[in-house]
C-alpha atoms as a PDB file:
ATOM      1  CA  MET A   1      26.947 -56.988  -7.217  1.00  0.00           C
ATOM      2  CA  ASN A   2      24.314 -53.963  -6.626  1.00  0.00           C
ATOM      3  CA  PRO A   3      26.806 -51.561  -4.064  1.00  0.00           C
ATOM      4  CA  THR A   4      23.683 -50.996  -1.856  1.00  0.00           C
ATOM      5  CA  LYS A   5      23.363 -54.807  -1.719  1.00  0.00           C
ATOM      6  CA  VAL A   6      24.933 -54.508   1.974  1.00  0.00           C
ATOM      7  CA  ALA A   7      24.172 -53.790   5.795  1.00  0.00           C
ATOM      8  CA  PHE A   8      25.929 -52.146   8.684  1.00  0.00           C
ATOM      9  CA  GLY A   9      25.019 -53.407  12.158  1.00  0.00           C
ATOM     10  CA  GLY A  10      27.593 -51.862  14.511  1.00  0.00           C
ATOM     11  CA  LYS A  11      25.972 -50.755  17.968  1.00  0.00           C
ATOM     12  CA  PRO A  12      28.179 -48.420  20.880  1.00  0.00           C
ATOM     13  CA  ARG A  13      28.718 -50.801  23.434  1.00  0.00           C
ATOM     14  CA  ILE A  14      27.127 -49.209  27.242  1.00  0.00           C
ATOM     15  CA  LYS A  15      30.163 -48.816  29.108  1.00  0.00           C
ATOM     16  CA  ASP A  16      31.169 -50.708  32.178  1.00  0.00           C
ATOM     17  CA  PRO A  17      33.692 -49.109  34.909  1.00  0.00           C
ATOM     18  CA  ARG A  18      34.859 -52.918  34.652  1.00  0.00           C
ATOM     19  CA  ASP A  19      36.018 -52.469  31.327  1.00  0.00           C
ATOM     20  CA  TYR A  20      39.586 -52.549  30.457  1.00  0.00           C
ATOM     21  CA  ASN A  21      41.210 -49.690  28.972  1.00  0.00           C
ATOM     22  CA  LEU A  22      43.249 -50.133  26.019  1.00  0.00           C
ATOM     23  CA  LYS A  23      45.508 -47.468  26.455  1.00  0.00           C
ATOM     24  CA  LYS A  24      46.406 -48.583  30.220  1.00  0.00           C
ATOM     25  CA  PHE A  25      47.430 -52.292  28.462  1.00  0.00           C
ATOM     26  CA  ASN A  26      49.753 -50.524  25.867  1.00  0.00           C
ATOM     27  CA  ASP A  27      51.687 -48.659  28.718  1.00  0.00           C
ATOM     28  CA  LEU A  28      51.968 -51.787  30.527  1.00  0.00           C
ATOM     29  CA  LYS A  29      53.072 -53.762  27.499  1.00  0.00           C
ATOM     30  CA  THR A  30      55.685 -50.833  26.376  1.00  0.00           C
ATOM     31  CA  GLY A  31      56.879 -49.305  29.871  1.00  0.00           C
ATOM     32  CA  GLY A  32      54.790 -46.245  28.872  1.00  0.00           C
ATOM     33  CA  ALA A  33      56.764 -44.947  26.797  1.00  0.00           C
ATOM     34  CA  VAL A  34      55.594 -46.264  22.947  1.00  0.00           C
ATOM     35  CA  ALA A  35      56.620 -44.325  20.308  1.00  0.00           C
ATOM     36  CA  ILE A  36      55.068 -46.140  17.004  1.00  0.00           C
ATOM     37  CA  PRO A  37      57.038 -45.715  13.505  1.00  0.00           C
ATOM     38  CA  PRO A  38      55.529 -43.401  10.610  1.00  0.00           C
ATOM     39  CA  SER A  39      54.149 -47.351   9.007  1.00  0.00           C
ATOM     40  CA  TYR A  40      53.535 -50.704  10.211  1.00  0.00           C
ATOM     41  CA  GLN A  41      50.942 -52.990   8.589  1.00  0.00           C
ATOM     42  CA  THR A  42      50.362 -56.678  10.375  1.00  0.00           C
ATOM     43  CA  ASP A  43      50.708 -59.022   7.603  1.00  0.00           C
ATOM     44  CA  ILE A  44      47.038 -60.425   6.419  1.00  0.00           C
ATOM     45  CA  THR A  45      48.109 -62.328   3.293  1.00  0.00           C
ATOM     46  CA  ASP A  46      45.651 -65.263   3.198  1.00  0.00           C
ATOM     47  CA  ILE A  47      43.298 -63.803   5.372  1.00  0.00           C
ATOM     48  CA  PRO A  48      40.383 -64.644   3.708  1.00  0.00           C
ATOM     49  CA  ILE A  49      37.485 -61.722   2.957  1.00  0.00           C
ATOM     50  CA  ASN A  50      33.661 -62.463   3.032  1.00  0.00           C
ATOM     51  CA  MET A  51      30.929 -60.247   1.992  1.00  0.00           C
ATOM     52  CA  GLN A  52      27.898 -60.018   4.751  1.00  0.00           C
ATOM     53  CA  ASN A  53      25.281 -59.419   2.397  1.00  0.00           C
ATOM     54  CA  PHE A  54      22.434 -57.241   2.971  1.00  0.00           C
ATOM     55  CA  LEU A  55      22.773 -59.379   6.921  1.00  0.00           C
ATOM     56  CA  GLY A  56      23.707 -56.723   9.370  1.00  0.00           C
ATOM     57  CA  ILE A  57      26.718 -58.999  11.143  1.00  0.00           C
ATOM     58  CA  CYS A  58      29.648 -57.224  10.617  1.00  0.00           C
ATOM     59  CA  GLY A  59      30.437 -57.711  14.039  1.00  0.00           C
ATOM     60  CA  ALA A  60      30.622 -61.312  14.085  1.00  0.00           C
ATOM     61  CA  GLU A  61      32.999 -60.704  10.569  1.00  0.00           C
ATOM     62  CA  ALA A  62      34.972 -57.875  12.005  1.00  0.00           C
ATOM     63  CA  GLY A  63      35.937 -60.571  15.489  1.00  0.00           C
ATOM     64  CA  THR A  64      36.436 -63.376  13.332  1.00  0.00           C
ATOM     65  CA  LYS A  65      38.903 -61.596  11.260  1.00  0.00           C
ATOM     66  CA  LEU A  66      40.621 -60.101  14.157  1.00  0.00           C
ATOM     67  CA  ARG A  67      41.121 -63.839  15.770  1.00  0.00           C
ATOM     68  CA  GLU A  68      41.759 -64.743  12.212  1.00  0.00           C
ATOM     69  CA  VAL A  69      44.889 -61.927  12.353  1.00  0.00           C
ATOM     70  CA  MET A  70      45.972 -62.694  15.726  1.00  0.00           C
ATOM     71  CA  GLY A  71      45.819 -66.250  15.138  1.00  0.00           C
ATOM     72  CA  LYS A  72      48.684 -66.169  12.294  1.00  0.00           C
ATOM     73  CA  VAL A  73      50.594 -63.886  14.313  1.00  0.00           C
ATOM     74  CA  GLN A  74      50.884 -66.241  17.007  1.00  0.00           C
ATOM     75  CA  THR A  75      50.989 -69.208  14.991  1.00  0.00           C
ATOM     76  CA  GLY A  76      52.333 -68.062  11.327  1.00  0.00           C
ATOM     77  CA  ALA A  77      48.583 -69.661   9.621  1.00  0.00           C
ATOM     78  CA  VAL A  78      45.868 -68.826   8.504  1.00  0.00           C
ATOM     79  CA  LYS A  79      43.003 -70.984  10.414  1.00  0.00           C
ATOM     80  CA  PRO A  80      39.488 -69.709   8.698  1.00  0.00           C
ATOM     81  CA  LEU A  81      36.999 -68.847  11.495  1.00  0.00           C
ATOM     82  CA  SER A  82      33.016 -69.461  10.696  1.00  0.00           C
ATOM     83  CA  PRO A  83      30.971 -65.846  11.361  1.00  0.00           C
ATOM     84  CA  ARG A  84      28.196 -67.505  11.453  1.00  0.00           C
ATOM     85  CA  ALA A  85      28.808 -69.680  14.391  1.00  0.00           C
ATOM     86  CA  THR A  86      30.094 -66.219  16.114  1.00  0.00           C
ATOM     87  CA  TRP A  87      26.786 -64.587  14.962  1.00  0.00           C
ATOM     88  CA  ILE A  88      24.808 -67.016  16.443  1.00  0.00           C
ATOM     89  CA  ASN A  89      26.348 -66.993  19.872  1.00  0.00           C
ATOM     90  CA  ILE A  90      26.648 -63.643  19.614  1.00  0.00           C
ATOM     91  CA  LYS A  91      22.852 -63.556  19.111  1.00  0.00           C
ATOM     92  CA  SER A  92      21.817 -66.305  21.646  1.00  0.00           C
ATOM     93  CA  PHE A  93      23.001 -63.163  24.965  1.00  0.00           C
ATOM     94  CA  ASP A  94      23.595 -59.577  23.038  1.00  0.00           C
ATOM     95  CA  GLY A  95      19.274 -58.775  23.445  1.00  0.00           C
ATOM     96  CA  VAL A  96      19.726 -57.203  19.957  1.00  0.00           C
ATOM     97  CA  PRO A  97      17.308 -58.062  17.802  1.00  0.00           C
ATOM     98  CA  LEU A  98      18.519 -60.251  14.352  1.00  0.00           C
ATOM     99  CA  ASP A  99      17.906 -57.519  12.037  1.00  0.00           C
ATOM    100  CA  GLY A 100      19.872 -54.884  14.465  1.00  0.00           C
ATOM    101  CA  GLY A 101      23.255 -55.605  14.387  1.00  0.00           C
ATOM    102  CA  THR A 102      25.432 -56.263  17.730  1.00  0.00           C
ATOM    103  CA  THR A 103      27.988 -54.128  19.954  1.00  0.00           C
ATOM    104  CA  MET A 104      31.364 -54.619  20.450  1.00  0.00           C
ATOM    105  CA  ASP A 105      31.208 -55.793  24.061  1.00  0.00           C
ATOM    106  CA  ALA A 106      28.841 -58.801  23.010  1.00  0.00           C
ATOM    107  CA  ILE A 107      31.106 -59.745  20.516  1.00  0.00           C
ATOM    108  CA  PHE A 108      34.504 -60.347  22.211  1.00  0.00           C
ATOM    109  CA  GLN A 109      32.237 -61.661  25.370  1.00  0.00           C
ATOM    110  CA  SER A 110      31.117 -64.008  22.538  1.00  0.00           C
ATOM    111  CA  GLY A 111      34.996 -64.976  21.833  1.00  0.00           C
ATOM    112  CA  SER A 112      35.415 -65.276  25.580  1.00  0.00           C
ATOM    113  CA  LYS A 113      32.564 -67.245  26.768  1.00  0.00           C
ATOM    114  CA  PHE A 114      32.301 -69.657  23.598  1.00  0.00           C
ATOM    115  CA  GLY A 115      35.350 -68.922  21.803  1.00  0.00           C
ATOM    116  CA  TYR A 116      35.393 -69.037  17.686  1.00  0.00           C
ATOM    117  CA  ALA A 117      34.354 -72.299  15.561  1.00  0.00           C
ATOM    118  CA  PRO A 118      36.474 -73.042  12.397  1.00  0.00           C
ATOM    119  CA  LEU A 119      34.962 -72.622   9.122  1.00  0.00           C
ATOM    120  CA  THR A 120      34.793 -75.938   8.445  1.00  0.00           C
ATOM    121  CA  ASP A 121      32.138 -76.535  11.200  1.00  0.00           C
ATOM    122  CA  LEU A 122      29.655 -74.205   9.464  1.00  0.00           C
ATOM    123  CA  VAL A 123      30.284 -72.567   6.550  1.00  0.00           C
ATOM    124  CA  GLU A 124      28.786 -69.083   5.419  1.00  0.00           C
ATOM    125  CA  ASP A 125      25.713 -68.631   3.234  1.00  0.00           C
ATOM    126  CA  THR A 126      24.394 -65.156   3.685  1.00  0.00           C
ATOM    127  CA  THR A 127      22.093 -65.282   0.897  1.00  0.00           C
ATOM    128  CA  LEU A 128      19.733 -66.680   3.731  1.00  0.00           C
ATOM    129  CA  PRO A 129      16.989 -64.252   5.453  1.00  0.00           C
ATOM    130  CA  VAL A 130      18.827 -63.478   8.964  1.00  0.00           C
ATOM    131  CA  ALA A 131      16.457 -65.749  10.777  1.00  0.00           C
ATOM    132  CA  THR A 132      17.655 -68.736   9.246  1.00  0.00           C
ATOM    133  CA  TYR A 133      21.198 -67.609   9.430  1.00  0.00           C
ATOM    134  CA  SER A 134      20.848 -66.883  13.109  1.00  0.00           C
ATOM    135  CA  GLU A 135      19.648 -70.513  13.824  1.00  0.00           C
ATOM    136  CA  GLN A 136      20.256 -71.732  17.494  1.00  0.00           C
ATOM    137  CA  SER A 137      19.893 -75.166  16.983  1.00  0.00           C
ATOM    138  CA  LEU A 138      22.826 -75.241  14.526  1.00  0.00           C
ATOM    139  CA  ILE A 139      25.144 -74.576  17.144  1.00  0.00           C
ATOM    140  CA  THR A 140      26.191 -78.748  17.856  1.00  0.00           C
ATOM    141  CA  PRO A 141      27.824 -79.373  20.681  1.00  0.00           C
ATOM    142  CA  GLN A 142      30.770 -80.605  18.487  1.00  0.00           C
ATOM    143  CA  ILE A 143      30.937 -76.959  17.205  1.00  0.00           C
ATOM    144  CA  THR A 144      30.812 -75.699  20.599  1.00  0.00           C
ATOM    145  CA  SER A 145      34.158 -77.830  21.818  1.00  0.00           C
ATOM    146  CA  ASP A 146      35.381 -77.012  18.448  1.00  0.00           C
ATOM    147  CA  ALA A 147      35.672 -73.805  19.343  1.00  0.00           C
ATOM    148  CA  GLN A 148      37.040 -74.367  22.519  1.00  0.00           C
ATOM    149  CA  PRO A 149      41.054 -73.492  21.440  1.00  0.00           C
ATOM    150  CA  ASN A 150      39.970 -70.273  20.250  1.00  0.00           C
ATOM    151  CA  VAL A 151      38.672 -68.743  23.281  1.00  0.00           C
ATOM    152  CA  LEU A 152      40.265 -65.134  23.897  1.00  0.00           C
ATOM    153  CA  GLN A 153      41.924 -64.802  27.441  1.00  0.00           C
ATOM    154  CA  SER A 154      40.352 -61.250  27.510  1.00  0.00           C
ATOM    155  CA  TYR A 155      40.132 -57.875  25.874  1.00  0.00           C
ATOM    156  CA  ALA A 156      40.345 -54.301  26.120  1.00  0.00           C
ATOM    157  CA  TYR A 157      38.666 -51.338  24.606  1.00  0.00           C
ATOM    158  CA  ASN A 158      39.462 -47.328  23.764  1.00  0.00           C
ATOM    159  CA  ASP A 159      36.541 -45.021  23.171  1.00  0.00           C
ATOM    160  CA  ASN A 160      36.643 -41.967  21.261  1.00  0.00           C
ATOM    161  CA  PRO A 161      40.340 -42.866  20.043  1.00  0.00           C
ATOM    162  CA  SER A 162      41.697 -40.495  18.089  1.00  0.00           C
ATOM    163  CA  TRP A 163      43.779 -40.743  15.005  1.00  0.00           C
ATOM    164  CA  GLN A 164      46.887 -41.503  16.924  1.00  0.00           C
ATOM    165  CA  GLN A 165      46.011 -43.741  19.485  1.00  0.00           C
ATOM    166  CA  VAL A 166      43.947 -45.524  16.627  1.00  0.00           C
ATOM    167  CA  CYS A 167      47.275 -46.333  15.156  1.00  0.00           C
ATOM    168  CA  GLU A 168      49.611 -46.892  18.513  1.00  0.00           C
ATOM    169  CA  ASP A 169      46.265 -50.048  19.341  1.00  0.00           C
ATOM    170  CA  ILE A 170      47.442 -51.188  15.903  1.00  0.00           C
ATOM    171  CA  TYR A 171      51.008 -51.084  16.736  1.00  0.00           C
ATOM    172  CA  VAL A 172      51.081 -52.464  19.272  1.00  0.00           C
ATOM    173  CA  ASN A 173      48.559 -55.284  19.709  1.00  0.00           C
ATOM    174  CA  LYS A 174      49.012 -55.721  15.732  1.00  0.00           C
ATOM    175  CA  ALA A 175      44.952 -55.257  15.024  1.00  0.00           C
ATOM    176  CA  VAL A 176      41.720 -53.946  16.384  1.00  0.00           C
ATOM    177  CA  ILE A 177      38.029 -53.903  16.211  1.00  0.00           C
ATOM    178  CA  LEU A 178      37.203 -50.432  15.128  1.00  0.00           C
ATOM    179  CA  LEU A 179      33.714 -49.628  15.115  1.00  0.00           C
ATOM    180  CA  VAL A 180      32.797 -46.139  12.977  1.00  0.00           C
ATOM    181  CA  GLN A 181      29.806 -44.203  12.238  1.00  0.00           C
ATOM    182  CA  VAL A 182      29.921 -44.562   8.363  1.00  0.00           C
ATOM    183  CA  GLY A 183      27.286 -42.846   5.509  1.00  0.00           C
ATOM    184  CA  LYS A 184      26.703 -43.400   1.704  1.00  0.00           C
ATOM    185  CA  GLU A 185      30.341 -42.674   0.851  1.00  0.00           C
ATOM    186  CA  TRP A 186      31.630 -46.288   1.015  1.00  0.00           C
ATOM    187  CA  TYR A 187      29.202 -46.976  -1.960  1.00  0.00           C
ATOM    188  CA  THR A 188      28.884 -43.936  -3.990  1.00  0.00           C
ATOM    189  CA  ALA A 189      31.530 -41.531  -5.636  1.00  0.00           C
ATOM    190  CA  PRO A 190      31.128 -38.180  -5.157  1.00  0.00           C
ATOM    191  CA  ASP A 191      29.502 -37.604  -7.719  1.00  0.00           C
ATOM    192  CA  GLY A 192      26.584 -39.490  -5.909  1.00  0.00           C
ATOM    193  CA  VAL A 193      26.760 -42.703  -8.138  1.00  0.00           C
ATOM    194  CA  GLU A 194      26.705 -45.825  -6.755  1.00  0.00           C
ATOM    195  CA  THR A 195      30.646 -47.744  -7.013  1.00  0.00           C
ATOM    196  CA  TRP A 196      32.383 -49.959  -5.502  1.00  0.00           C
ATOM    197  CA  GLN A 197      35.629 -48.464  -6.860  1.00  0.00           C
ATOM    198  CA  GLU A 198      38.559 -47.554  -5.498  1.00  0.00           C
ATOM    199  CA  SER A 199      39.420 -44.383  -7.524  1.00  0.00           C
ATOM    200  CA  GLN A 200      36.122 -43.760  -6.883  1.00  0.00           C
ATOM    201  CA  ILE A 201      35.322 -44.052  -2.716  1.00  0.00           C
ATOM    202  CA  ALA A 202      38.745 -44.285  -1.674  1.00  0.00           C
ATOM    203  CA  PRO A 203      39.684 -42.702   0.639  1.00  0.00           C
ATOM    204  CA  ILE A 204      36.729 -43.018   2.322  1.00  0.00           C
ATOM    205  CA  ARG A 205      35.218 -40.000   2.586  1.00  0.00           C
ATOM    206  CA  PRO A 206      33.783 -39.299   6.088  1.00  0.00           C
ATOM    207  CA  PRO A 207      30.084 -38.942   6.186  1.00  0.00           C
ATOM    208  CA  ALA A 208      27.346 -36.279   4.935  1.00  0.00           C
ATOM    209  CA  GLN A 209      24.859 -38.266   6.678  1.00  0.00           C
ATOM    210  CA  ILE A 210      25.312 -40.424   9.514  1.00  0.00           C
ATOM    211  CA  ILE A 211      23.185 -44.132   8.145  1.00  0.00           C
ATOM    212  CA  ASP A 212      24.770 -46.404  11.069  1.00  0.00           C
ATOM    213  CA  GLY A 213      27.676 -47.985  12.697  1.00  0.00           C
ATOM    214  CA  HIS A 214      30.367 -50.528  11.308  1.00  0.00           C
ATOM    215  CA  PHE A 215      32.475 -52.930  12.363  1.00  0.00           C
ATOM    216  CA  ILE A 216      35.612 -53.242  10.220  1.00  0.00           C
ATOM    217  CA  CYS A 217      39.035 -54.787  11.341  1.00  0.00           C
ATOM    218  CA  ALA A 218      41.825 -52.154  11.399  1.00  0.00           C
ATOM    219  CA  TYR A 219      45.387 -53.983  10.446  1.00  0.00           C
ATOM    220  CA  GLY A 220      47.817 -50.955   9.332  1.00  0.00           C
ATOM    221  CA  TYR A 221      48.743 -47.605   8.911  1.00  0.00           C
ATOM    222  CA  ASP A 222      50.863 -45.047   7.386  1.00  0.00           C
ATOM    223  CA  ALA A 223      51.350 -40.979   7.350  1.00  0.00           C
ATOM    224  CA  ASN A 224      48.139 -41.159   5.131  1.00  0.00           C
ATOM    225  CA  TYR A 225      45.738 -43.555   5.942  1.00  0.00           C
ATOM    226  CA  ILE A 226      44.983 -46.694   8.059  1.00  0.00           C
ATOM    227  CA  TYR A 227      43.713 -49.908   6.597  1.00  0.00           C
ATOM    228  CA  PHE A 228      40.654 -52.099   7.283  1.00  0.00           C
ATOM    229  CA  ILE A 229      39.369 -55.449   6.278  1.00  0.00           C
ATOM    230  CA  ASN A 230      36.079 -55.500   5.219  1.00  0.00           C
ATOM    231  CA  SER A 231      32.919 -57.309   5.539  1.00  0.00           C
ATOM    232  CA  TRP A 232      31.491 -56.744   1.521  1.00  0.00           C
ATOM    233  CA  SER A 233      33.546 -58.995  -0.682  1.00  0.00           C
ATOM    234  CA  THR A 234      37.086 -58.281  -2.274  1.00  0.00           C
ATOM    235  CA  SER A 235      34.734 -57.146  -5.106  1.00  0.00           C
ATOM    236  CA  TRP A 236      34.642 -53.425  -2.958  1.00  0.00           C
ATOM    237  CA  CYS A 237      37.572 -51.209  -2.984  1.00  0.00           C
ATOM    238  CA  ARG A 238      40.890 -52.381  -2.554  1.00  0.00           C
ATOM    239  CA  GLN A 239      39.950 -56.065  -3.185  1.00  0.00           C
ATOM    240  CA  GLY A 240      37.928 -55.877   0.328  1.00  0.00           C
ATOM    241  CA  ILE A 241      40.417 -53.660   1.884  1.00  0.00           C
ATOM    242  CA  GLY A 242      39.484 -50.072   2.596  1.00  0.00           C
ATOM    243  CA  TYR A 243      41.393 -46.770   4.023  1.00  0.00           C
ATOM    244  CA  PHE A 244      40.676 -43.654   5.126  1.00  0.00           C
ATOM    245  CA  ALA A 245      42.637 -40.746   5.958  1.00  0.00           C
ATOM    246  CA  GLN A 246      43.270 -38.193   8.942  1.00  0.00           C
ATOM    247  CA  ASN A 247      39.745 -36.546   8.684  1.00  0.00           C
ATOM    248  CA  TYR A 248      37.701 -39.380   9.227  1.00  0.00           C
ATOM    249  CA  ALA A 249      39.088 -39.669  13.006  1.00  0.00           C
ATOM    250  CA  PRO A 250      36.060 -37.814  14.008  1.00  0.00           C
ATOM    251  CA  PHE A 251      33.950 -40.710  13.285  1.00  0.00           C
ATOM    252  CA  PHE A 252      36.055 -43.490  15.192  1.00  0.00           C
ATOM    253  CA  VAL A 253      33.423 -44.339  17.829  1.00  0.00           C
ATOM    254  CA  GLU A 254      35.759 -47.181  19.833  1.00  0.00           C
ATOM    255  CA  ASP A 255      38.157 -49.881  19.005  1.00  0.00           C
ATOM    256  CA  GLY A 256      39.032 -52.278  21.207  1.00  0.00           C
ATOM    257  CA  THR A 257      41.218 -56.016  20.646  1.00  0.00           C
ATOM    258  CA  GLU A 258      42.394 -59.089  22.720  1.00  0.00           C
ATOM    259  CA  VAL A 259      44.819 -58.873  25.815  1.00  0.00           C
ATOM    260  CA  ILE A 260      46.356 -60.589  27.783  1.00  0.00           C
ATOM    261  CA  PRO A 261      46.525 -58.872  31.799  1.00  0.00           C
ATOM    262  CA  PRO A 262      49.588 -59.517  32.920  1.00  0.00           C
ATOM    263  CA  VAL A 263      50.047 -61.015  36.721  1.00  0.00           C
ATOM    264  CA  GLY A 264      48.623 -58.444  39.093  1.00  0.00           C
ATOM    265  CA  PHE A 265      46.903 -56.253  37.122  1.00  0.00           C
ATOM    266  CA  VAL A 266      43.913 -54.991  38.189  1.00  0.00           C
ATOM    267  CA  PRO A 267      41.052 -52.998  36.986  1.00  0.00           C
ATOM    268  CA  ALA A 268      40.313 -49.537  38.621  1.00  0.00           C
ATOM    269  CA  LEU A 269      36.782 -50.513  39.864  1.00  0.00           C
ATOM    270  CA  VAL A 270      38.077 -53.094  41.316  1.00  0.00           C
ATOM    271  CA  GLN A 271      40.789 -50.970  43.083  1.00  0.00           C
ATOM    272  CA  GLN A 272      38.232 -48.049  43.970  1.00  0.00           C
ATOM    273  CA  LYS A 273      36.460 -50.735  46.034  1.00  0.00           C
ATOM    274  CA  VAL A 274      39.610 -52.263  47.629  1.00  0.00           C
ATOM    275  CA  SER A 275      40.926 -48.492  48.214  1.00  0.00           C
ATOM    276  CA  LEU A 276      36.926 -48.065  50.101  1.00  0.00           C
ATOM    277  CA  LEU A 277      37.201 -51.070  51.799  1.00  0.00           C
ATOM    278  CA  GLN A 278      40.898 -49.953  53.126  1.00  0.00           C
ATOM    279  CA  ARG A 279      38.932 -46.498  54.098  1.00  0.00           C
ATOM    280  CA  ILE A 280      36.291 -47.793  56.394  1.00  0.00           C
ATOM    281  CA  ILE A 281      38.524 -51.313  57.549  1.00  0.00           C
ATOM    282  CA  ALA A 282      40.798 -48.022  58.591  1.00  0.00           C
ATOM    283  CA  LYS A 283      37.697 -46.096  60.172  1.00  0.00           C
ATOM    284  CA  LEU A 284      36.795 -48.684  62.202  1.00  0.00           C
ATOM    285  CA  GLN A 285      39.447 -49.348  63.385  1.00  0.00           C
ATOM    286  CA  ALA A 286      39.941 -46.336  64.714  1.00  0.00           C
ATOM    287  CA  LEU A 287      36.403 -45.991  66.471  1.00  0.00           C
ATOM    288  CA  LEU A 288      37.769 -49.591  68.078  1.00  0.00           C
ATOM    289  CA  ALA A 289      40.665 -48.077  69.176  1.00  0.00           C
ATOM    290  CA  GLY A 290      39.011 -45.646  71.001  1.00  0.00           C
ATOM    291  CA  GLN A 291      36.430 -47.236  73.453  1.00  0.00           C
END
């Protein structure tokens, strides 16, 4: 495998005040006093590692890996899902060119709207040109129906998360999609030689020059590293698993994961609007009372 025969494809989302904040969900789950252990890893045994090749589909890959991990946590079984179906659904609305990757909000919006189709419905073939790989007509009514049991309830994000915050997000939620800035260090040794050998590239060094963004599925950490599933096949790093140290934290852009809003949870923007309406009503009542 040519180490440069890969793509990235992670773009930051446009922030929306209606977005759920993952830190707030963590606090609701833990009572606001989470004390994470020094190490934690969700079991990813039997989670398949894919190869995105020269397609910038890391968002679809990371989204399906997260759903596979969550499915295993919930049921104890691994159900391989179709990154290709997820990618096609994402590209039906995200507005990003086919060769431009995607954004984290589009990943979760696709999961929430369309769900995730079984891999047997639409198998991977990343040797195809991106236009062929992304053909909308491949999404049949049967695929749409088969994906419905895997529809997401909701999701939340943290922007520019710290090392500690990503570790907390992994521990509380079992796994997260993490958008990181990347450089050639992902496929070159310190002397500049191209390689995928773990001993030469890991822990992944911070980028001397940022090339792009990249989506990965982070599932564990210890005192030294955060561990993640990449989408460059089992030939990359530790059989498809990578890890980086705390010096990579400045290059964390955002993370996000699936959440289940508790009863009565109200987004901050809605709370602000309710507060404003209450003030308006109070002023109107005061005006009417003065007549």
